[in-house]
Amino acid sequence: MVRDPDDAADICQDAFVKAYRALRRFREDSTVYTWLYRITSNLCVNYLRRKKIRDSLSYENLAGWMGKREAGPDREMARGEV
């Protein structure tokens, strides 16, 4: 899901730690496999959300956006007046 082996290993470790801490709350409504799969899936989705926000706020994206703003007609007009 995350397409990076290092991030996947970190998420896997987090999933086992989270499952271990929540073992007392396991209700046995489903199999352990399904429960652990769901924990891991949720961690992956949360990771992808954080990564999307982080990538959208990266310096390269902001610099590109600022560069596009500077090229507008109002900026050119302001430069001409200066």
Protein backbone atom coordinates (compact mmCIF):
# COMPACT_ATOMS: atom_id res chain seq x y z
CA MET A 1 0.00 0.00 0.00
CA VAL A 2 2.75 2.49 0.84
CA ARG A 3 5.15 1.50 -1.99
CA ASP A 4 8.28 1.94 0.10
CA PRO A 5 9.85 -1.06 1.83
CA ASP A 6 11.31 0.98 4.69
CA ASP A 7 8.02 2.69 5.44
CA ALA A 8 6.21 -0.64 5.16
CA ALA A 9 8.58 -2.18 7.72
CA ASP A 10 7.97 0.72 10.10
CA ILE A 11 4.21 0.40 9.71
CA CYS A 12 4.43 -3.35 10.26
CA GLN A 13 6.35 -2.83 13.48
CA ASP A 14 3.84 -0.21 14.62
CA ALA A 15 0.98 -2.59 13.85
CA PHE A 16 2.42 -5.38 16.01
CA VAL A 17 3.12 -2.98 18.87
CA LYS A 18 -0.39 -1.55 18.63
CA ALA A 19 -1.92 -5.03 18.51
CA TYR A 20 0.14 -6.16 21.49
CA ARG A 21 -1.00 -3.17 23.54
CA ALA A 22 -4.64 -3.76 22.56
CA LEU A 23 -4.58 -7.53 23.01
CA ARG A 24 -6.76 -7.34 26.12
CA ARG A 25 -9.46 -5.57 24.14
CA PHE A 26 -9.56 -8.22 21.39
CA ARG A 27 -13.16 -9.46 21.43
CA GLU A 28 -12.69 -12.56 19.28
CA ASP A 29 -15.54 -11.47 16.99
CA SER A 30 -13.14 -12.11 14.13
CA THR A 31 -9.92 -13.98 13.61
CA VAL A 32 -6.61 -12.55 14.79
CA TYR A 33 -5.56 -12.29 11.14
CA THR A 34 -8.54 -10.07 10.30
CA TRP A 35 -8.00 -7.93 13.40
CA LEU A 36 -4.29 -7.46 12.68
CA TYR A 37 -5.00 -6.82 9.00
CA ARG A 38 -7.44 -4.06 9.93
CA ILE A 39 -4.95 -2.43 12.30
CA THR A 40 -2.30 -2.50 9.59
CA SER A 41 -4.67 -1.15 6.94
CA ASN A 42 -5.66 1.74 9.16
CA LEU A 43 -2.02 2.57 9.88
CA CYS A 44 -1.27 2.54 6.14
CA VAL A 45 -4.19 4.84 5.35
CA ASN A 46 -3.12 7.23 8.12
CA TYR A 47 0.44 7.19 6.80
CA LEU A 48 -0.72 7.98 3.27
CA ARG A 49 -2.87 10.85 4.52
CA ARG A 50 0.05 12.34 6.46
CA LYS A 51 2.35 11.86 3.49
CA LYS A 52 -0.11 13.59 1.15
CA ILE A 53 -0.35 16.58 3.47
CA ARG A 54 3.42 16.65 3.95
CA ASP A 55 4.05 16.42 0.20
CA SER A 56 1.56 19.18 -0.54
CA LEU A 57 3.38 21.41 1.94
CA SER A 58 6.87 20.58 0.67
CA TYR A 59 9.26 23.36 -0.24
CA GLU A 60 9.31 22.38 -3.92
CA ASN A 61 5.53 22.62 -4.21
CA LEU A 62 5.39 25.92 -2.36
CA ALA A 63 8.26 27.35 -4.39
CA GLY A 64 6.52 26.30 -7.61
CA TRP A 65 3.27 27.84 -6.42
CA MET A 66 5.00 31.08 -5.45
CA GLY A 67 6.75 31.16 -8.82
CA LYS A 68 3.40 30.85 -10.58
CA ARG A 69 1.96 33.66 -8.47
CA GLU A 70 4.83 35.99 -9.35
CA ALA A 71 4.22 35.52 -13.06
CA GLY A 72 0.67 36.89 -12.97
CA PRO A 73 -0.38 40.07 -14.81
CA ASP A 74 -0.83 42.03 -11.59
CA ARG A 75 2.76 41.26 -10.59
CA GLU A 76 4.04 42.37 -13.99
CA MET A 77 2.08 45.59 -13.71
CA ALA A 78 3.42 46.23 -10.21
CA ARG A 79 6.98 45.64 -11.42
CA GLY A 80 6.43 48.10 -14.25
CA GLU A 81 5.22 50.76 -11.83
CA VAL A 82 8.21 50.29 -9.55
